N, C-alpha and C. Protein backbone atom coordinates (compact mmCIF):
# COMPACT_ATOMS: atom_id res chain seq x y z
N MET A 1 97.11 97.09 -6.71
CA MET A 1 95.91 97.48 -7.41
C MET A 1 96.34 98.36 -8.59
N ASN A 2 96.04 97.90 -9.78
CA ASN A 2 96.42 98.69 -10.95
C ASN A 2 95.35 99.74 -11.25
N PRO A 3 95.64 100.69 -12.15
CA PRO A 3 94.68 101.77 -12.41
C PRO A 3 93.32 101.28 -12.90
N ILE A 4 93.30 100.23 -13.68
CA ILE A 4 92.03 99.70 -14.20
C ILE A 4 91.20 99.12 -13.06
N GLN A 5 91.84 98.40 -12.15
CA GLN A 5 91.14 97.85 -10.99
C GLN A 5 90.61 98.95 -10.09
N LEU A 6 91.43 99.99 -9.87
CA LEU A 6 91.02 101.10 -9.03
C LEU A 6 89.82 101.82 -9.65
N LYS A 7 89.89 102.07 -10.94
CA LYS A 7 88.78 102.74 -11.64
C LYS A 7 87.50 101.94 -11.50
N ALA A 8 87.59 100.63 -11.72
CA ALA A 8 86.41 99.77 -11.61
C ALA A 8 85.84 99.79 -10.20
N ARG A 9 86.69 99.76 -9.20
CA ARG A 9 86.24 99.78 -7.81
C ARG A 9 85.52 101.09 -7.50
N LEU A 10 86.09 102.20 -7.93
CA LEU A 10 85.49 103.50 -7.62
C LEU A 10 84.19 103.72 -8.37
N GLU A 11 84.06 103.10 -9.53
CA GLU A 11 82.82 103.22 -10.29
C GLU A 11 81.64 102.53 -9.60
N THR A 12 81.93 101.71 -8.59
CA THR A 12 80.85 101.05 -7.85
C THR A 12 80.13 102.01 -6.90
N LEU A 13 80.56 103.26 -6.86
CA LEU A 13 79.85 104.27 -6.05
C LEU A 13 78.40 104.38 -6.47
N GLY A 14 78.13 104.14 -7.73
CA GLY A 14 76.74 104.19 -8.18
C GLY A 14 76.63 104.43 -9.67
N PRO A 15 75.40 104.32 -10.17
CA PRO A 15 75.16 104.54 -11.60
C PRO A 15 75.61 105.93 -12.03
N ALA A 16 76.11 106.01 -13.23
CA ALA A 16 76.55 107.27 -13.86
C ALA A 16 77.80 107.85 -13.21
N THR A 17 78.51 107.09 -12.40
CA THR A 17 79.77 107.55 -11.82
C THR A 17 80.85 107.50 -12.89
N GLN A 18 81.58 108.59 -13.03
CA GLN A 18 82.68 108.67 -13.99
C GLN A 18 83.97 108.86 -13.23
N VAL A 19 84.98 108.04 -13.57
CA VAL A 19 86.24 108.05 -12.84
C VAL A 19 87.40 108.18 -13.82
N GLU A 20 88.32 109.07 -13.50
CA GLU A 20 89.58 109.17 -14.23
C GLU A 20 90.70 108.95 -13.22
N ILE A 21 91.63 108.05 -13.57
CA ILE A 21 92.74 107.71 -12.68
C ILE A 21 94.05 108.12 -13.35
N VAL A 22 94.93 108.73 -12.55
CA VAL A 22 96.29 109.03 -13.01
C VAL A 22 97.25 108.36 -12.03
N ASP A 23 98.16 107.54 -12.58
CA ASP A 23 99.22 106.93 -11.78
C ASP A 23 100.33 107.97 -11.69
N LEU A 24 100.49 108.57 -10.53
CA LEU A 24 101.39 109.72 -10.38
C LEU A 24 102.87 109.36 -10.45
N THR A 25 103.23 108.12 -10.14
CA THR A 25 104.65 107.76 -10.07
C THR A 25 105.03 106.61 -11.00
N GLY A 26 104.04 105.96 -11.60
CA GLY A 26 104.33 104.79 -12.44
C GLY A 26 104.54 103.52 -11.64
N THR A 27 104.32 103.58 -10.32
CA THR A 27 104.55 102.42 -9.46
C THR A 27 103.26 101.73 -9.03
N GLU A 28 102.12 102.22 -9.54
CA GLU A 28 100.81 101.66 -9.24
C GLU A 28 100.48 101.63 -7.75
N ASP A 29 100.95 102.66 -7.03
CA ASP A 29 100.56 102.79 -5.63
C ASP A 29 100.35 104.25 -5.20
N HIS A 30 100.59 105.19 -6.11
CA HIS A 30 100.34 106.62 -5.88
C HIS A 30 99.41 107.10 -6.98
N TYR A 31 98.17 107.40 -6.62
CA TYR A 31 97.17 107.74 -7.63
C TYR A 31 96.51 109.08 -7.36
N GLN A 32 96.01 109.64 -8.45
CA GLN A 32 95.09 110.75 -8.36
C GLN A 32 93.80 110.29 -9.04
N ALA A 33 92.68 110.51 -8.38
CA ALA A 33 91.39 110.11 -8.94
C ALA A 33 90.48 111.32 -9.02
N GLN A 34 89.88 111.49 -10.20
CA GLN A 34 88.82 112.48 -10.36
C GLN A 34 87.53 111.69 -10.51
N ILE A 35 86.57 111.98 -9.63
CA ILE A 35 85.34 111.21 -9.60
C ILE A 35 84.15 112.16 -9.68
N VAL A 36 83.30 111.91 -10.66
CA VAL A 36 82.07 112.67 -10.82
C VAL A 36 80.93 111.69 -10.60
N SER A 37 80.11 111.92 -9.58
CA SER A 37 79.08 110.95 -9.26
C SER A 37 77.83 111.60 -8.66
N PRO A 38 76.67 111.17 -9.14
CA PRO A 38 75.43 111.60 -8.50
C PRO A 38 75.34 111.15 -7.03
N ALA A 39 76.11 110.14 -6.67
CA ALA A 39 76.11 109.64 -5.28
C ALA A 39 76.60 110.70 -4.30
N PHE A 40 77.29 111.72 -4.81
CA PHE A 40 77.83 112.78 -3.95
C PHE A 40 76.82 113.90 -3.68
N GLU A 41 75.66 113.85 -4.33
CA GLU A 41 74.66 114.90 -4.16
C GLU A 41 74.32 115.10 -2.68
N GLY A 42 74.35 116.35 -2.24
CA GLY A 42 73.97 116.68 -0.86
C GLY A 42 75.01 116.36 0.18
N LYS A 43 76.20 115.92 -0.24
CA LYS A 43 77.26 115.55 0.69
C LYS A 43 78.37 116.60 0.69
N MET A 44 78.93 116.87 1.86
CA MET A 44 80.09 117.75 1.94
C MET A 44 81.30 117.00 1.38
N MET A 45 82.34 117.74 1.03
CA MET A 45 83.52 117.13 0.43
C MET A 45 84.11 116.04 1.32
N ILE A 46 84.18 116.27 2.62
CA ILE A 46 84.75 115.26 3.52
C ILE A 46 83.92 113.97 3.47
N GLU A 47 82.61 114.11 3.36
CA GLU A 47 81.74 112.93 3.26
C GLU A 47 81.97 112.20 1.93
N GLN A 48 82.17 112.97 0.87
CA GLN A 48 82.45 112.37 -0.43
C GLN A 48 83.74 111.57 -0.38
N HIS A 49 84.76 112.16 0.23
CA HIS A 49 86.06 111.48 0.33
C HIS A 49 85.97 110.23 1.19
N ARG A 50 85.20 110.29 2.25
CA ARG A 50 85.01 109.11 3.10
C ARG A 50 84.34 107.98 2.32
N MET A 51 83.38 108.34 1.48
CA MET A 51 82.70 107.34 0.66
C MET A 51 83.70 106.63 -0.25
N VAL A 52 84.61 107.40 -0.82
CA VAL A 52 85.61 106.84 -1.73
C VAL A 52 86.59 105.96 -0.96
N PHE A 53 87.13 106.48 0.13
CA PHE A 53 88.13 105.72 0.88
C PHE A 53 87.55 104.43 1.46
N LYS A 54 86.27 104.43 1.77
CA LYS A 54 85.62 103.21 2.27
C LYS A 54 85.76 102.07 1.24
N LEU A 55 85.76 102.42 -0.04
CA LEU A 55 85.85 101.41 -1.10
C LEU A 55 87.25 100.81 -1.24
N VAL A 56 88.27 101.55 -0.81
CA VAL A 56 89.65 101.08 -0.99
C VAL A 56 90.41 100.99 0.34
N GLN A 57 89.68 100.98 1.45
CA GLN A 57 90.34 101.00 2.76
C GLN A 57 91.29 99.82 2.96
N ALA A 58 90.91 98.64 2.52
CA ALA A 58 91.77 97.47 2.71
C ALA A 58 93.10 97.65 1.98
N GLU A 59 93.06 98.20 0.78
CA GLU A 59 94.28 98.41 -0.01
C GLU A 59 95.14 99.53 0.58
N VAL A 60 94.49 100.54 1.15
CA VAL A 60 95.23 101.62 1.81
C VAL A 60 95.89 101.07 3.08
N ASP A 61 95.13 100.31 3.86
CA ASP A 61 95.66 99.74 5.10
C ASP A 61 96.84 98.80 4.85
N SER A 62 96.78 98.03 3.77
CA SER A 62 97.84 97.07 3.46
C SER A 62 99.05 97.72 2.80
N GLY A 63 98.90 98.96 2.34
CA GLY A 63 99.99 99.64 1.65
C GLY A 63 99.99 99.41 0.16
N GLU A 64 99.05 98.59 -0.32
CA GLU A 64 98.97 98.35 -1.77
C GLU A 64 98.69 99.67 -2.50
N VAL A 65 97.85 100.50 -1.89
CA VAL A 65 97.65 101.87 -2.37
C VAL A 65 98.25 102.78 -1.30
N HIS A 66 99.37 103.40 -1.65
CA HIS A 66 100.10 104.21 -0.67
C HIS A 66 99.52 105.61 -0.57
N ALA A 67 99.12 106.18 -1.72
CA ALA A 67 98.59 107.54 -1.73
C ALA A 67 97.47 107.64 -2.75
N LEU A 68 96.40 108.33 -2.36
CA LEU A 68 95.27 108.53 -3.25
C LEU A 68 94.78 109.96 -3.06
N THR A 69 95.04 110.78 -4.06
CA THR A 69 94.58 112.16 -4.06
C THR A 69 93.23 112.20 -4.77
N LEU A 70 92.27 112.88 -4.16
CA LEU A 70 90.91 112.88 -4.71
C LEU A 70 90.46 114.25 -5.15
N LYS A 71 89.74 114.26 -6.25
CA LYS A 71 88.95 115.40 -6.70
C LYS A 71 87.56 114.83 -6.93
N THR A 72 86.62 115.23 -6.10
CA THR A 72 85.27 114.69 -6.19
C THR A 72 84.27 115.79 -6.52
N TYR A 73 83.32 115.43 -7.37
CA TYR A 73 82.32 116.38 -7.82
C TYR A 73 80.97 115.69 -8.00
N THR A 74 79.91 116.44 -7.75
CA THR A 74 78.61 116.03 -8.27
C THR A 74 78.63 116.41 -9.75
N PRO A 75 77.74 115.87 -10.56
CA PRO A 75 77.72 116.28 -11.97
C PRO A 75 77.59 117.80 -12.14
N GLU A 76 76.75 118.43 -11.33
CA GLU A 76 76.56 119.88 -11.42
C GLU A 76 77.84 120.63 -11.05
N GLN A 77 78.51 120.19 -9.99
CA GLN A 77 79.76 120.82 -9.57
C GLN A 77 80.82 120.69 -10.66
N TYR A 78 80.85 119.54 -11.32
CA TYR A 78 81.84 119.30 -12.36
C TYR A 78 81.62 120.24 -13.55
N ILE A 79 80.37 120.42 -13.95
CA ILE A 79 80.05 121.32 -15.05
C ILE A 79 80.51 122.74 -14.71
N LYS A 80 80.23 123.17 -13.48
CA LYS A 80 80.65 124.50 -13.05
C LYS A 80 82.17 124.63 -13.02
N ALA A 81 82.86 123.60 -12.54
CA ALA A 81 84.32 123.64 -12.46
C ALA A 81 84.93 123.68 -13.86
N LYS A 82 84.38 122.93 -14.78
CA LYS A 82 84.90 122.92 -16.15
C LYS A 82 84.69 124.26 -16.84
N SER A 83 83.59 124.92 -16.54
CA SER A 83 83.29 126.19 -17.21
C SER A 83 84.22 127.31 -16.74
N LYS A 84 84.87 127.12 -15.60
CA LYS A 84 85.80 128.13 -15.08
C LYS A 84 87.16 128.04 -15.76
N HIS A 85 87.45 126.92 -16.42
CA HIS A 85 88.79 126.74 -17.03
C HIS A 85 88.79 127.03 -18.48
């Protein structure tokens, strides 16, 4: 799964979902994803991460995606996080 495919898959979380993907090793199997989505509203971080992993579980199980580090935010959380930096 290349970064473009991963980004497209994660964007299926819902309308207005914004995804940034970083290939951490250049091998297209170790990624970091930053996801900002209204779909995360009212969900704890663990629930947000479960929502994401559900979308790529087959690739994780097969080893096609070996590692996926997540940073998940609601739009409001993202605005607050950006204002701190």
